[in-house]
Amino acid sequence: MKVLKLVLILLSLFILSSCTIYDNDVEGEADLVFSSTITIRADDFVYEDDFIAVADYGWDNLDEEMVDYGMVLGYIRFEGTTAWQALPFSIPFENDLVNLRYYFDIDNFSLVVEGEVAGNNQVNTELFDRDVLRVVAIPPEAIVRGKGIDYRNYKQISELYGLDD
C-alpha cells in the first residue's frame, strides 16, 4: 500500500513538472508593438502577370530584426463591416477564387491578390477597393506565447497587446 502511494505521488510530481506555464504579460513599452491601417485602393496594385497583382506599402517599422525574428500580421476589414479577417484570406468571387495574402521585407509590406482564372486581375483588385488593411508588427521580445492565443483573431491580439482601433 505504501509503495502504491509512493508511486502515485511520484507520478503526480512528474506530470506536474512536465507542464509548461507561459507568462502572458507583455513587458516593456506599449509602443513596442506597431500597428497601422491602410485604405486599399484598386489602383494601388501592379499586375505581375495574368493571375497576380501586388500592392507595395512602405512601412519603416519593418527593420531587419522585426523581419527576421519578429511577427508581422495582416488583417482586412471589408467596407461596411466591423470584423477583422486574418490574412491569408480566400473568397469566391464571380467565376474565380480570389486569394488575398501578404509578404514583407525591410521597410515594405506587400499585399497580394491572386486569382485562379487568368485575366481577372482588374476585377479581383476592385473587390478590395476601399477595404481597410491593418498591419501589426510585434518585435521578438514582445511576442507572447501560450495556450489559447490565436494570432488570427484580431480582437484577441488587440486586447493582448493594447492596440488602438
N, C-alpha and C. Protein backbone atom coordinates (compact mmCIF):
# COMPACT_ATOMS: atom_id res chain seq x y z
N MET A 1 0.82 -1.18 0.00
CA MET A 1 0.00 0.00 0.00
C MET A 1 0.87 1.26 0.00
N LYS A 2 1.94 1.25 0.83
CA LYS A 2 2.84 2.40 0.87
C LYS A 2 3.54 2.59 -0.47
N VAL A 3 3.87 1.49 -1.11
CA VAL A 3 4.54 1.56 -2.41
C VAL A 3 3.61 2.18 -3.45
N LEU A 4 2.35 1.83 -3.42
CA LEU A 4 1.37 2.36 -4.35
C LEU A 4 1.21 3.87 -4.15
N LYS A 5 1.13 4.31 -2.88
CA LYS A 5 1.04 5.74 -2.58
C LYS A 5 2.28 6.48 -3.09
N LEU A 6 3.44 5.87 -2.85
CA LEU A 6 4.69 6.48 -3.29
C LEU A 6 4.74 6.61 -4.81
N VAL A 7 4.31 5.56 -5.50
CA VAL A 7 4.29 5.59 -6.97
C VAL A 7 3.32 6.66 -7.46
N LEU A 8 2.14 6.76 -6.88
CA LEU A 8 1.16 7.78 -7.27
C LEU A 8 1.69 9.19 -7.02
N ILE A 9 2.34 9.41 -5.89
CA ILE A 9 2.91 10.72 -5.58
C ILE A 9 4.01 11.06 -6.58
N LEU A 10 4.89 10.13 -6.86
CA LEU A 10 5.97 10.38 -7.83
C LEU A 10 5.41 10.63 -9.23
N LEU A 11 4.42 9.87 -9.61
CA LEU A 11 3.79 10.06 -10.92
C LEU A 11 3.13 11.44 -11.00
N SER A 12 2.46 11.85 -9.95
CA SER A 12 1.83 13.17 -9.91
C SER A 12 2.86 14.28 -10.02
N LEU A 13 3.96 14.16 -9.28
CA LEU A 13 5.02 15.15 -9.35
C LEU A 13 5.65 15.22 -10.74
N PHE A 14 5.81 14.08 -11.36
CA PHE A 14 6.37 14.03 -12.72
C PHE A 14 5.44 14.73 -13.71
N ILE A 15 4.15 14.47 -13.61
CA ILE A 15 3.17 15.08 -14.51
C ILE A 15 3.15 16.59 -14.31
N LEU A 16 3.14 17.06 -13.07
CA LEU A 16 3.12 18.49 -12.80
C LEU A 16 4.40 19.18 -13.26
N SER A 17 5.53 18.51 -13.12
CA SER A 17 6.79 19.14 -13.51
C SER A 17 6.96 19.21 -15.02
N SER A 18 6.19 18.41 -15.76
CA SER A 18 6.33 18.45 -17.21
C SER A 18 5.42 19.49 -17.86
N CYS A 19 4.58 20.16 -17.09
CA CYS A 19 3.72 21.20 -17.64
C CYS A 19 4.53 22.46 -17.90
N THR A 20 4.16 23.16 -18.94
CA THR A 20 4.80 24.43 -19.25
C THR A 20 3.81 25.55 -18.95
N ILE A 21 4.24 26.51 -18.19
CA ILE A 21 3.40 27.64 -17.84
C ILE A 21 3.99 28.87 -18.53
N TYR A 22 3.15 29.58 -19.28
CA TYR A 22 3.60 30.75 -20.02
C TYR A 22 3.16 32.01 -19.30
N ASP A 23 4.02 32.98 -19.30
CA ASP A 23 3.70 34.28 -18.76
C ASP A 23 3.09 35.09 -19.89
N ASN A 24 1.84 35.50 -19.76
CA ASN A 24 1.17 36.21 -20.84
C ASN A 24 1.22 37.72 -20.68
N ASP A 25 2.04 38.23 -19.78
CA ASP A 25 2.17 39.67 -19.63
C ASP A 25 3.21 40.19 -20.61
N VAL A 26 2.85 41.23 -21.35
CA VAL A 26 3.78 41.86 -22.27
C VAL A 26 4.55 42.89 -21.47
N GLU A 27 5.85 42.74 -21.40
CA GLU A 27 6.67 43.66 -20.64
C GLU A 27 7.27 44.70 -21.57
N GLY A 28 7.60 45.83 -21.02
CA GLY A 28 8.27 46.86 -21.81
C GLY A 28 7.31 47.97 -22.19
N GLU A 29 7.75 48.78 -23.12
CA GLU A 29 6.98 49.94 -23.56
C GLU A 29 5.79 49.52 -24.41
N ALA A 30 4.68 50.24 -24.27
CA ALA A 30 3.48 49.91 -25.04
C ALA A 30 3.69 50.18 -26.52
N ASP A 31 4.61 51.08 -26.86
CA ASP A 31 4.81 51.40 -28.27
C ASP A 31 5.73 50.41 -28.97
N LEU A 32 6.10 49.32 -28.30
CA LEU A 32 6.92 48.30 -28.95
C LEU A 32 6.17 47.60 -30.07
N VAL A 33 4.87 47.44 -29.91
CA VAL A 33 4.06 46.78 -30.92
C VAL A 33 3.53 47.86 -31.86
N PHE A 34 3.80 47.70 -33.14
CA PHE A 34 3.42 48.69 -34.13
C PHE A 34 2.18 48.22 -34.87
N SER A 35 1.30 49.17 -35.17
CA SER A 35 0.08 48.85 -35.90
C SER A 35 -0.23 50.02 -36.83
N SER A 36 -0.69 49.69 -38.01
CA SER A 36 -1.03 50.73 -38.98
C SER A 36 -2.19 50.26 -39.83
N THR A 37 -3.04 51.21 -40.23
CA THR A 37 -4.13 50.88 -41.14
C THR A 37 -3.93 51.60 -42.46
N ILE A 38 -4.36 50.94 -43.51
CA ILE A 38 -4.23 51.48 -44.87
C ILE A 38 -5.55 51.22 -45.58
N THR A 39 -6.11 52.26 -46.20
CA THR A 39 -7.29 52.05 -47.04
C THR A 39 -6.80 51.57 -48.40
N ILE A 40 -7.26 50.40 -48.77
CA ILE A 40 -6.82 49.77 -50.03
C ILE A 40 -7.55 50.44 -51.19
N ARG A 41 -6.82 50.73 -52.24
CA ARG A 41 -7.39 51.25 -53.48
C ARG A 41 -7.05 50.27 -54.60
N ALA A 42 -7.97 50.04 -55.49
CA ALA A 42 -7.73 49.10 -56.60
C ALA A 42 -6.53 49.53 -57.43
N ASP A 43 -6.33 50.86 -57.55
CA ASP A 43 -5.20 51.33 -58.37
C ASP A 43 -3.86 51.28 -57.63
N ASP A 44 -3.83 50.78 -56.39
CA ASP A 44 -2.57 50.54 -55.67
C ASP A 44 -1.82 49.34 -56.26
N PHE A 45 -2.55 48.47 -56.95
CA PHE A 45 -1.99 47.20 -57.39
C PHE A 45 -1.31 47.31 -58.75
N VAL A 46 -0.20 46.60 -58.86
CA VAL A 46 0.52 46.46 -60.12
C VAL A 46 0.34 45.01 -60.55
N TYR A 47 -0.04 44.81 -61.80
CA TYR A 47 -0.28 43.46 -62.29
C TYR A 47 1.05 42.79 -62.62
N GLU A 48 1.33 41.72 -61.91
CA GLU A 48 2.57 40.97 -62.11
C GLU A 48 2.47 40.04 -63.32
N ASP A 49 1.32 39.41 -63.47
CA ASP A 49 1.05 38.52 -64.61
C ASP A 49 -0.47 38.41 -64.73
N ASP A 50 -0.98 37.41 -65.42
CA ASP A 50 -2.42 37.27 -65.62
C ASP A 50 -3.17 36.83 -64.37
N PHE A 51 -2.47 36.41 -63.35
CA PHE A 51 -3.10 35.87 -62.15
C PHE A 51 -2.85 36.70 -60.90
N ILE A 52 -1.76 37.43 -60.84
CA ILE A 52 -1.30 38.06 -59.60
C ILE A 52 -1.16 39.58 -59.76
N ALA A 53 -1.65 40.30 -58.73
CA ALA A 53 -1.46 41.73 -58.63
C ALA A 53 -0.90 42.02 -57.24
N VAL A 54 0.04 42.97 -57.15
CA VAL A 54 0.72 43.26 -55.88
C VAL A 54 0.66 44.77 -55.60
N ALA A 55 0.33 45.11 -54.36
CA ALA A 55 0.38 46.50 -53.89
C ALA A 55 1.46 46.58 -52.83
N ASP A 56 2.43 47.46 -53.03
CA ASP A 56 3.52 47.65 -52.07
C ASP A 56 3.23 48.88 -51.21
N TYR A 57 3.32 48.69 -49.91
CA TYR A 57 3.12 49.79 -48.96
C TYR A 57 4.39 49.90 -48.12
N GLY A 58 5.12 50.97 -48.28
CA GLY A 58 6.31 51.18 -47.48
C GLY A 58 5.95 51.33 -46.01
N TRP A 59 6.74 50.72 -45.16
CA TRP A 59 6.49 50.83 -43.71
C TRP A 59 7.82 50.72 -42.99
N ASP A 60 8.31 51.84 -42.46
CA ASP A 60 9.65 51.87 -41.88
C ASP A 60 9.76 51.19 -40.52
N ASN A 61 8.66 50.66 -39.98
CA ASN A 61 8.74 49.90 -38.73
C ASN A 61 9.27 48.48 -38.96
N LEU A 62 9.39 48.09 -40.19
CA LEU A 62 9.90 46.75 -40.51
C LEU A 62 11.40 46.84 -40.73
N ASP A 63 12.14 46.73 -39.63
CA ASP A 63 13.59 46.72 -39.73
C ASP A 63 14.08 45.27 -39.82
N GLU A 64 15.39 45.09 -39.88
CA GLU A 64 15.94 43.75 -40.07
C GLU A 64 15.57 42.80 -38.92
N GLU A 65 15.61 43.28 -37.69
CA GLU A 65 15.27 42.42 -36.55
C GLU A 65 13.81 42.01 -36.60
N MET A 66 12.92 42.95 -36.93
CA MET A 66 11.50 42.64 -37.00
C MET A 66 11.22 41.61 -38.09
N VAL A 67 11.84 41.79 -39.24
CA VAL A 67 11.63 40.88 -40.37
C VAL A 67 12.17 39.49 -40.05
N ASP A 68 13.35 39.42 -39.45
CA ASP A 68 13.99 38.12 -39.21
C ASP A 68 13.44 37.38 -37.99
N TYR A 69 13.08 38.10 -36.93
CA TYR A 69 12.74 37.43 -35.68
C TYR A 69 11.38 37.82 -35.10
N GLY A 70 10.79 38.90 -35.57
CA GLY A 70 9.51 39.36 -35.03
C GLY A 70 8.33 38.65 -35.68
N MET A 71 7.17 39.18 -35.44
CA MET A 71 5.94 38.62 -36.00
C MET A 71 5.21 39.75 -36.72
N VAL A 72 4.91 39.54 -37.98
CA VAL A 72 4.18 40.54 -38.78
C VAL A 72 2.87 39.90 -39.21
N LEU A 73 1.78 40.56 -38.88
CA LEU A 73 0.45 40.03 -39.13
C LEU A 73 -0.34 40.98 -40.02
N GLY A 74 -1.22 40.45 -40.84
CA GLY A 74 -2.08 41.25 -41.69
C GLY A 74 -3.54 40.87 -41.47
N TYR A 75 -4.39 41.87 -41.44
CA TYR A 75 -5.83 41.67 -41.29
C TYR A 75 -6.55 42.57 -42.29
N ILE A 76 -7.75 42.19 -42.68
CA ILE A 76 -8.55 43.02 -43.58
C ILE A 76 -9.94 43.19 -42.98
N ARG A 77 -10.44 44.41 -43.13
CA ARG A 77 -11.83 44.70 -42.73
C ARG A 77 -12.55 45.16 -43.99
N PHE A 78 -13.56 44.41 -44.37
CA PHE A 78 -14.30 44.74 -45.58
C PHE A 78 -15.16 45.97 -45.36
N GLU A 79 -15.29 46.78 -46.39
CA GLU A 79 -16.07 48.00 -46.32
C GLU A 79 -17.49 47.70 -45.83
N GLY A 80 -17.93 48.47 -44.85
CA GLY A 80 -19.27 48.30 -44.31
C GLY A 80 -19.37 47.26 -43.20
N THR A 81 -18.24 46.67 -42.79
CA THR A 81 -18.25 45.69 -41.71
C THR A 81 -17.37 46.19 -40.56
N THR A 82 -17.45 45.51 -39.44
CA THR A 82 -16.61 45.88 -38.29
C THR A 82 -15.63 44.78 -37.91
N ALA A 83 -15.77 43.60 -38.51
CA ALA A 83 -14.92 42.46 -38.16
C ALA A 83 -13.62 42.47 -38.97
N TRP A 84 -12.53 42.09 -38.32
CA TRP A 84 -11.23 41.95 -38.98
C TRP A 84 -11.02 40.48 -39.33
N GLN A 85 -10.63 40.22 -40.57
CA GLN A 85 -10.34 38.87 -41.04
C GLN A 85 -8.82 38.73 -41.19
N ALA A 86 -8.27 37.64 -40.70
CA ALA A 86 -6.82 37.42 -40.79
C ALA A 86 -6.43 37.05 -42.21
N LEU A 87 -5.26 37.50 -42.61
CA LEU A 87 -4.68 37.12 -43.90
C LEU A 87 -3.75 35.95 -43.69
N PRO A 88 -3.64 35.02 -44.59
CA PRO A 88 -4.26 34.99 -45.91
C PRO A 88 -5.76 34.71 -45.81
N PHE A 89 -6.48 35.14 -46.85
CA PHE A 89 -7.93 35.05 -46.89
C PHE A 89 -8.35 34.69 -48.30
N SER A 90 -9.26 33.75 -48.43
CA SER A 90 -9.76 33.35 -49.75
C SER A 90 -11.25 33.62 -49.82
N ILE A 91 -11.68 34.06 -51.00
CA ILE A 91 -13.09 34.37 -51.17
C ILE A 91 -13.51 34.02 -52.60
N PRO A 92 -14.62 33.30 -52.75
CA PRO A 92 -15.12 33.05 -54.11
C PRO A 92 -15.73 34.35 -54.64
N PHE A 93 -15.40 34.69 -55.87
CA PHE A 93 -15.89 35.93 -56.46
C PHE A 93 -16.11 35.72 -57.94
N GLU A 94 -17.33 35.97 -58.36
CA GLU A 94 -17.76 35.75 -59.74
C GLU A 94 -17.34 34.34 -60.17
N ASN A 95 -16.51 34.22 -61.18
CA ASN A 95 -16.12 32.88 -61.65
C ASN A 95 -14.73 32.49 -61.16
N ASP A 96 -14.28 33.07 -60.07
CA ASP A 96 -12.90 32.90 -59.63
C ASP A 96 -12.85 32.64 -58.12
N LEU A 97 -11.75 32.09 -57.67
CA LEU A 97 -11.45 32.02 -56.24
C LEU A 97 -10.28 32.97 -56.02
N VAL A 98 -10.51 34.01 -55.25
CA VAL A 98 -9.51 35.06 -55.06
C VAL A 98 -8.83 34.87 -53.71
N ASN A 99 -7.51 34.84 -53.73
CA ASN A 99 -6.70 34.70 -52.52
C ASN A 99 -6.02 36.03 -52.22
N LEU A 100 -6.17 36.49 -51.01
CA LEU A 100 -5.52 37.70 -50.56
C LEU A 100 -4.48 37.28 -49.53
N ARG A 101 -3.22 37.56 -49.81
CA ARG A 101 -2.13 37.19 -48.92
C ARG A 101 -1.14 38.34 -48.86
N TYR A 102 -0.07 38.16 -48.12
CA TYR A 102 0.92 39.23 -47.99
C TYR A 102 2.31 38.65 -47.85
N TYR A 103 3.27 39.51 -48.10
CA TYR A 103 4.66 39.23 -47.77
C TYR A 103 5.29 40.54 -47.35
N PHE A 104 6.43 40.45 -46.69
CA PHE A 104 7.06 41.66 -46.19
C PHE A 104 8.57 41.51 -46.23
N ASP A 105 9.21 42.66 -46.22
CA ASP A 105 10.66 42.74 -46.18
C ASP A 105 11.00 44.03 -45.45
N ILE A 106 12.26 44.33 -45.33
CA ILE A 106 12.68 45.54 -44.63
C ILE A 106 12.03 46.76 -45.28
N ASP A 107 11.34 47.56 -44.47
CA ASP A 107 10.67 48.80 -44.88
C ASP A 107 9.54 48.61 -45.89
N ASN A 108 8.99 47.41 -46.04
CA ASN A 108 7.94 47.21 -47.03
C ASN A 108 6.98 46.09 -46.63
N PHE A 109 5.71 46.34 -46.85
CA PHE A 109 4.65 45.34 -46.67
C PHE A 109 3.90 45.27 -47.99
N SER A 110 3.77 44.09 -48.55
CA SER A 110 3.13 43.91 -49.85
C SER A 110 1.88 43.07 -49.71
N LEU A 111 0.80 43.55 -50.31
CA LEU A 111 -0.47 42.85 -50.34
C LEU A 111 -0.61 42.21 -51.71
N VAL A 112 -0.95 40.92 -51.75
CA VAL A 112 -1.01 40.17 -53.00
C VAL A 112 -2.43 39.66 -53.22
N VAL A 113 -2.97 39.96 -54.40
CA VAL A 113 -4.25 39.41 -54.82
C VAL A 113 -3.96 38.40 -55.91
N GLU A 114 -4.42 37.18 -55.70
CA GLU A 114 -4.12 36.12 -56.66
C GLU A 114 -5.42 35.39 -57.01
N GLY A 115 -5.71 35.35 -58.29
CA GLY A 115 -6.89 34.64 -58.77
C GLY A 115 -6.50 33.33 -59.43
N GLU A 116 -7.48 32.49 -59.64
CA GLU A 116 -7.23 31.21 -60.30
C GLU A 116 -7.59 31.24 -61.77
N VAL A 117 -8.22 32.34 -62.22
CA VAL A 117 -8.61 32.48 -63.61
C VAL A 117 -7.78 33.61 -64.23
N ALA A 118 -7.13 33.32 -65.33
CA ALA A 118 -6.27 34.31 -66.00
C ALA A 118 -7.10 35.50 -66.47
N GLY A 119 -6.50 36.68 -66.35
CA GLY A 119 -7.11 37.89 -66.88
C GLY A 119 -8.13 38.56 -65.97
N ASN A 120 -8.30 38.10 -64.75
CA ASN A 120 -9.28 38.69 -63.82
C ASN A 120 -8.66 39.69 -62.86
N ASN A 121 -7.43 40.12 -63.08
CA ASN A 121 -6.75 40.99 -62.12
C ASN A 121 -7.54 42.25 -61.78
N GLN A 122 -8.04 42.94 -62.79
CA GLN A 122 -8.74 44.20 -62.53
C GLN A 122 -9.99 43.96 -61.68
N VAL A 123 -10.79 42.98 -62.05
CA VAL A 123 -12.00 42.67 -61.29
C VAL A 123 -11.65 42.22 -59.87
N ASN A 124 -10.61 41.41 -59.75
CA ASN A 124 -10.20 40.91 -58.43
C ASN A 124 -9.71 42.02 -57.52
N THR A 125 -8.92 42.95 -58.04
CA THR A 125 -8.42 44.04 -57.19
C THR A 125 -9.55 45.01 -56.83
N GLU A 126 -10.51 45.19 -57.72
CA GLU A 126 -11.65 46.05 -57.41
C GLU A 126 -12.50 45.48 -56.28
N LEU A 127 -12.44 44.18 -56.08
CA LEU A 127 -13.16 43.54 -54.98
C LEU A 127 -12.73 44.11 -53.63
N PHE A 128 -11.46 44.52 -53.50
CA PHE A 128 -10.92 45.00 -52.22
C PHE A 128 -10.80 46.53 -52.16
N ASP A 129 -11.30 47.21 -53.18
CA ASP A 129 -11.25 48.67 -53.21
C ASP A 129 -12.02 49.25 -52.03
N ARG A 130 -11.39 50.15 -51.28
CA ARG A 130 -11.93 50.83 -50.10
C ARG A 130 -12.05 49.95 -48.86
N ASP A 131 -11.54 48.72 -48.91
CA ASP A 131 -11.45 47.92 -47.69
C ASP A 131 -10.25 48.42 -46.90
N VAL A 132 -10.15 48.02 -45.64
CA VAL A 132 -9.07 48.52 -44.78
C VAL A 132 -8.12 47.37 -44.43
N LEU A 133 -6.85 47.61 -44.65
CA LEU A 133 -5.78 46.68 -44.30
C LEU A 133 -5.18 47.13 -42.98
N ARG A 134 -5.01 46.21 -42.05
CA ARG A 134 -4.30 46.51 -40.79
C ARG A 134 -3.08 45.61 -40.72
N VAL A 135 -1.94 46.24 -40.48
CA VAL A 135 -0.68 45.52 -40.33
C VAL A 135 -0.23 45.69 -38.89
N VAL A 136 0.15 44.59 -38.25
CA VAL A 136 0.64 44.60 -36.88
C VAL A 136 2.03 43.98 -36.88
N ALA A 137 2.98 44.67 -36.29
CA ALA A 137 4.35 44.16 -36.19
C ALA A 137 4.72 44.05 -34.71
N ILE A 138 5.08 42.83 -34.31
CA ILE A 138 5.41 42.56 -32.91
C ILE A 138 6.88 42.18 -32.83
N PRO A 139 7.71 42.99 -32.14
CA PRO A 139 9.13 42.67 -32.01
C PRO A 139 9.32 41.34 -31.27
N PRO A 140 10.46 40.68 -31.50
CA PRO A 140 10.67 39.37 -30.89
C PRO A 140 10.58 39.37 -29.37
N GLU A 141 11.03 40.43 -28.72
CA GLU A 141 11.00 40.45 -27.25
C GLU A 141 9.59 40.65 -26.69
N ALA A 142 8.63 41.03 -27.53
CA ALA A 142 7.26 41.26 -27.06
C ALA A 142 6.29 40.14 -27.46
N ILE A 143 6.77 39.14 -28.19
CA ILE A 143 5.88 38.06 -28.63
C ILE A 143 5.45 37.24 -27.42
N VAL A 144 4.15 37.07 -27.29
CA VAL A 144 3.58 36.28 -26.20
C VAL A 144 3.22 34.91 -26.75
N ARG A 145 3.67 33.88 -26.04
CA ARG A 145 3.36 32.51 -26.44
C ARG A 145 2.57 31.85 -25.32
N GLY A 146 1.58 31.10 -25.70
CA GLY A 146 0.81 30.39 -24.69
C GLY A 146 -0.40 29.72 -25.29
N LYS A 147 -0.92 28.80 -24.54
CA LYS A 147 -2.12 28.11 -24.99
C LYS A 147 -3.27 29.10 -25.06
N GLY A 148 -4.08 28.95 -26.08
CA GLY A 148 -5.27 29.78 -26.21
C GLY A 148 -5.06 31.09 -26.92
N ILE A 149 -3.83 31.42 -27.30
CA ILE A 149 -3.59 32.66 -28.03
C ILE A 149 -3.72 32.36 -29.52
N ASP A 150 -4.67 33.02 -30.16
CA ASP A 150 -4.93 32.82 -31.58
C ASP A 150 -4.55 34.10 -32.32
N TYR A 151 -3.42 34.08 -32.99
CA TYR A 151 -2.95 35.28 -33.69
C TYR A 151 -3.78 35.59 -34.93
N ARG A 152 -4.68 34.72 -35.32
CA ARG A 152 -5.60 35.01 -36.43
C ARG A 152 -6.83 35.78 -35.94
N ASN A 153 -7.00 35.86 -34.63
CA ASN A 153 -8.14 36.55 -34.03
C ASN A 153 -7.70 37.98 -33.66
N TYR A 154 -8.07 38.95 -34.50
CA TYR A 154 -7.60 40.32 -34.27
C TYR A 154 -8.07 40.87 -32.93
N LYS A 155 -9.31 40.59 -32.55
CA LYS A 155 -9.83 41.13 -31.29
C LYS A 155 -8.98 40.66 -30.11
N GLN A 156 -8.63 39.39 -30.10
CA GLN A 156 -7.80 38.85 -29.02
C GLN A 156 -6.41 39.49 -29.02
N ILE A 157 -5.81 39.65 -30.18
CA ILE A 157 -4.47 40.26 -30.28
C ILE A 157 -4.52 41.73 -29.90
N SER A 158 -5.58 42.41 -30.31
CA SER A 158 -5.76 43.82 -29.97
C SER A 158 -5.82 44.01 -28.46
N GLU A 159 -6.57 43.14 -27.78
CA GLU A 159 -6.67 43.23 -26.32
C GLU A 159 -5.37 42.82 -25.64
N LEU A 160 -4.72 41.77 -26.14
CA LEU A 160 -3.48 41.27 -25.54
C LEU A 160 -2.37 42.32 -25.60
N TYR A 161 -2.25 42.99 -26.73
CA TYR A 161 -1.17 43.97 -26.91
C TYR A 161 -1.60 45.41 -26.73
N GLY A 162 -2.85 45.64 -26.39
CA GLY A 162 -3.33 47.00 -26.13
C GLY A 162 -3.33 47.89 -27.37
N LEU A 163 -3.74 47.33 -28.51
CA LEU A 163 -3.76 48.11 -29.76
C LEU A 163 -4.99 48.99 -29.80
N ASP A 164 -4.83 50.19 -30.33
CA ASP A 164 -5.95 51.11 -30.50
C ASP A 164 -6.64 50.83 -31.82
N ASP A 165 -7.97 50.82 -31.78
CA ASP A 165 -8.72 50.66 -33.03
C ASP A 165 -9.00 52.03 -33.55
